[in-house]
Amino acid sequence: MQPVAQLAQIWLTVFGTEPGPDDNLADIGMESVKLVELILHVQKELGVDLPLETFLGPTTLREVAAEIAAQEGTRT
């Protein structure tokens, strides 16, 4: 599964909605407590530690997937 699709599935599990790859996540209902839950799901399911700052400001699933790819590139 592609990183964007994986993130969309995790987002759906946590928030109950499935954003498109270029939707501004702040516009579709990020709550701080749920955001922490999302980060924990990403850590568990994708093995990546994302800082909270990744989701602050206008950001999309595509941008988060790029951050994950960048982190994976530094681990190899």
N, C-alpha and C. Protein backbone atom coordinates (compact mmCIF):
# COMPACT_ATOMS: atom_id res chain seq x y z
N MET A 1 0.85 -1.18 0.00
CA MET A 1 0.00 0.00 0.00
C MET A 1 0.90 1.25 0.00
N GLN A 2 0.53 2.25 -0.75
CA GLN A 2 1.27 3.50 -0.85
C GLN A 2 1.17 4.27 0.47
N PRO A 3 2.23 5.03 0.81
CA PRO A 3 2.20 5.79 2.07
C PRO A 3 0.98 6.71 2.21
N VAL A 4 0.59 7.38 1.15
CA VAL A 4 -0.56 8.28 1.24
C VAL A 4 -1.82 7.47 1.57
N ALA A 5 -1.97 6.31 0.93
CA ALA A 5 -3.14 5.46 1.19
C ALA A 5 -3.10 4.92 2.62
N GLN A 6 -1.92 4.55 3.10
CA GLN A 6 -1.78 4.08 4.48
C GLN A 6 -2.18 5.18 5.46
N LEU A 7 -1.69 6.38 5.22
CA LEU A 7 -2.03 7.51 6.08
C LEU A 7 -3.53 7.81 6.04
N ALA A 8 -4.13 7.73 4.86
CA ALA A 8 -5.57 7.97 4.74
C ALA A 8 -6.35 6.95 5.55
N GLN A 9 -5.90 5.69 5.53
CA GLN A 9 -6.58 4.65 6.29
C GLN A 9 -6.44 4.89 7.80
N ILE A 10 -5.24 5.28 8.23
CA ILE A 10 -5.03 5.59 9.64
C ILE A 10 -5.90 6.78 10.04
N TRP A 11 -5.92 7.82 9.20
CA TRP A 11 -6.75 9.00 9.47
C TRP A 11 -8.21 8.60 9.61
N LEU A 12 -8.69 7.73 8.72
CA LEU A 12 -10.07 7.25 8.77
C LEU A 12 -10.35 6.54 10.09
N THR A 13 -9.41 5.71 10.53
CA THR A 13 -9.57 4.99 11.80
C THR A 13 -9.68 5.96 12.97
N VAL A 14 -8.85 6.99 12.98
CA VAL A 14 -8.81 7.90 14.12
C VAL A 14 -9.91 8.96 14.07
N PHE A 15 -10.11 9.57 12.90
CA PHE A 15 -11.01 10.72 12.80
C PHE A 15 -12.38 10.39 12.19
N GLY A 16 -12.51 9.23 11.55
CA GLY A 16 -13.79 8.85 10.98
C GLY A 16 -14.08 9.44 9.62
N THR A 17 -13.09 10.12 9.03
CA THR A 17 -13.23 10.65 7.68
C THR A 17 -11.98 10.30 6.89
N GLU A 18 -12.10 10.22 5.58
CA GLU A 18 -10.94 9.89 4.76
C GLU A 18 -10.59 11.08 3.87
N PRO A 19 -9.49 11.76 4.17
CA PRO A 19 -9.10 12.91 3.36
C PRO A 19 -8.46 12.47 2.06
N GLY A 20 -8.53 13.35 1.06
CA GLY A 20 -7.79 13.13 -0.17
C GLY A 20 -6.33 13.47 0.06
N PRO A 21 -5.45 13.08 -0.87
CA PRO A 21 -4.02 13.28 -0.67
C PRO A 21 -3.60 14.75 -0.59
N ASP A 22 -4.41 15.65 -1.13
CA ASP A 22 -4.05 17.06 -1.13
C ASP A 22 -4.99 17.93 -0.30
N ASP A 23 -5.86 17.30 0.49
CA ASP A 23 -6.74 18.06 1.38
C ASP A 23 -5.91 18.67 2.51
N ASN A 24 -6.25 19.89 2.88
CA ASN A 24 -5.61 20.53 4.03
C ASN A 24 -6.18 19.86 5.28
N LEU A 25 -5.32 19.15 6.01
CA LEU A 25 -5.79 18.37 7.15
C LEU A 25 -6.39 19.24 8.24
N ALA A 26 -5.91 20.45 8.40
CA ALA A 26 -6.45 21.36 9.41
C ALA A 26 -7.91 21.73 9.10
N ASP A 27 -8.26 21.70 7.82
CA ASP A 27 -9.61 22.08 7.41
C ASP A 27 -10.63 20.97 7.61
N ILE A 28 -10.15 19.74 7.86
CA ILE A 28 -11.11 18.64 7.96
C ILE A 28 -11.17 18.05 9.36
N GLY A 29 -10.83 18.84 10.35
CA GLY A 29 -11.15 18.47 11.71
C GLY A 29 -10.07 17.81 12.54
N MET A 30 -8.90 18.39 12.62
CA MET A 30 -7.88 17.86 13.51
C MET A 30 -8.16 18.34 14.94
N GLU A 31 -8.31 17.41 15.85
CA GLU A 31 -8.43 17.72 17.28
C GLU A 31 -7.14 17.31 17.94
N SER A 32 -6.68 18.06 18.93
CA SER A 32 -5.38 17.79 19.52
C SER A 32 -5.26 16.40 20.13
N VAL A 33 -6.28 15.95 20.84
CA VAL A 33 -6.21 14.62 21.45
C VAL A 33 -6.18 13.55 20.36
N LYS A 34 -7.00 13.71 19.35
CA LYS A 34 -7.03 12.75 18.24
C LYS A 34 -5.73 12.80 17.45
N LEU A 35 -5.12 13.96 17.38
CA LEU A 35 -3.85 14.10 16.67
C LEU A 35 -2.77 13.26 17.34
N VAL A 36 -2.74 13.25 18.65
CA VAL A 36 -1.79 12.41 19.38
C VAL A 36 -2.08 10.94 19.08
N GLU A 37 -3.35 10.58 19.04
CA GLU A 37 -3.72 9.21 18.69
C GLU A 37 -3.25 8.86 17.28
N LEU A 38 -3.41 9.80 16.35
CA LEU A 38 -2.95 9.60 14.98
C LEU A 38 -1.44 9.35 14.93
N ILE A 39 -0.69 10.15 15.65
CA ILE A 39 0.77 10.00 15.68
C ILE A 39 1.15 8.63 16.24
N LEU A 40 0.44 8.18 17.27
CA LEU A 40 0.71 6.86 17.85
C LEU A 40 0.39 5.74 16.86
N HIS A 41 -0.69 5.90 16.11
CA HIS A 41 -1.04 4.91 15.07
C HIS A 41 0.04 4.87 13.99
N VAL A 42 0.50 6.02 13.56
CA VAL A 42 1.55 6.08 12.54
C VAL A 42 2.81 5.39 13.06
N GLN A 43 3.14 5.65 14.31
CA GLN A 43 4.32 5.04 14.90
C GLN A 43 4.17 3.52 14.94
N LYS A 44 3.02 3.04 15.36
CA LYS A 44 2.79 1.61 15.48
C LYS A 44 2.71 0.92 14.13
N GLU A 45 1.95 1.49 13.20
CA GLU A 45 1.68 0.82 11.93
C GLU A 45 2.76 1.04 10.88
N LEU A 46 3.43 2.20 10.92
CA LEU A 46 4.43 2.50 9.91
C LEU A 46 5.85 2.53 10.47
N GLY A 47 5.97 2.47 11.79
CA GLY A 47 7.29 2.46 12.40
C GLY A 47 8.06 3.77 12.27
N VAL A 48 7.32 4.87 12.22
CA VAL A 48 7.93 6.19 12.04
C VAL A 48 7.48 7.11 13.17
N ASP A 49 8.43 7.82 13.77
CA ASP A 49 8.12 8.80 14.79
C ASP A 49 7.97 10.18 14.14
N LEU A 50 6.75 10.67 14.11
CA LEU A 50 6.51 11.99 13.54
C LEU A 50 6.31 12.99 14.67
N PRO A 51 7.01 14.12 14.62
CA PRO A 51 6.77 15.14 15.64
C PRO A 51 5.40 15.79 15.43
N LEU A 52 4.84 16.28 16.49
CA LEU A 52 3.55 16.97 16.43
C LEU A 52 3.58 18.10 15.40
N GLU A 53 4.72 18.75 15.29
CA GLU A 53 4.87 19.88 14.36
C GLU A 53 4.58 19.50 12.91
N THR A 54 4.71 18.22 12.59
CA THR A 54 4.42 17.76 11.24
C THR A 54 3.00 18.12 10.82
N PHE A 55 2.09 18.15 11.79
CA PHE A 55 0.68 18.37 11.50
C PHE A 55 0.20 19.79 11.79
N LEU A 56 1.09 20.65 12.24
CA LEU A 56 0.69 22.02 12.54
C LEU A 56 0.76 22.86 11.28
N GLY A 57 -0.19 23.74 11.14
CA GLY A 57 -0.25 24.57 9.93
C GLY A 57 -0.88 23.79 8.79
N PRO A 58 -0.96 24.40 7.64
CA PRO A 58 -1.56 23.71 6.49
C PRO A 58 -0.65 22.55 6.06
N THR A 59 -1.19 21.37 6.11
CA THR A 59 -0.43 20.21 5.66
C THR A 59 -1.38 19.20 5.04
N THR A 60 -0.86 18.36 4.18
CA THR A 60 -1.66 17.36 3.47
C THR A 60 -1.09 15.97 3.74
N LEU A 61 -1.86 14.95 3.41
CA LEU A 61 -1.35 13.59 3.54
C LEU A 61 -0.12 13.38 2.66
N ARG A 62 -0.13 14.00 1.49
CA ARG A 62 1.01 13.88 0.58
C ARG A 62 2.28 14.45 1.23
N GLU A 63 2.15 15.57 1.93
CA GLU A 63 3.30 16.17 2.61
C GLU A 63 3.78 15.30 3.78
N VAL A 64 2.84 14.71 4.51
CA VAL A 64 3.21 13.83 5.62
C VAL A 64 3.90 12.58 5.07
N ALA A 65 3.39 12.05 3.97
CA ALA A 65 4.03 10.88 3.34
C ALA A 65 5.46 11.22 2.91
N ALA A 66 5.68 12.42 2.42
CA ALA A 66 7.03 12.85 2.03
C ALA A 66 7.94 12.93 3.25
N GLU A 67 7.41 13.39 4.37
CA GLU A 67 8.18 13.45 5.62
C GLU A 67 8.56 12.03 6.07
N ILE A 68 7.62 11.11 5.95
CA ILE A 68 7.90 9.71 6.30
C ILE A 68 8.99 9.14 5.39
N ALA A 69 8.88 9.41 4.10
CA ALA A 69 9.88 8.93 3.14
C ALA A 69 11.26 9.51 3.47
N ALA A 70 11.29 10.77 3.86
CA ALA A 70 12.56 11.41 4.21
C ALA A 70 13.17 10.75 5.44
N GLN A 71 12.34 10.45 6.42
CA GLN A 71 12.83 9.78 7.62
C GLN A 71 13.33 8.37 7.30
N GLU A 72 12.60 7.67 6.44
CA GLU A 72 13.02 6.32 6.06
C GLU A 72 14.34 6.36 5.30
N GLY A 73 14.57 7.41 4.53
CA GLY A 73 15.81 7.57 3.79
C GLY A 73 17.01 7.78 4.70
N THR A 74 16.78 8.39 5.85
CA THR A 74 17.89 8.64 6.78
C THR A 74 18.18 7.42 7.65
N ARG A 75 17.28 6.44 7.65
CA ARG A 75 17.49 5.23 8.46
C ARG A 75 18.27 4.16 7.72
N THR A 76 18.40 4.31 6.40
CA THR A 76 19.08 3.25 5.64
C THR A 76 20.55 3.51 5.52
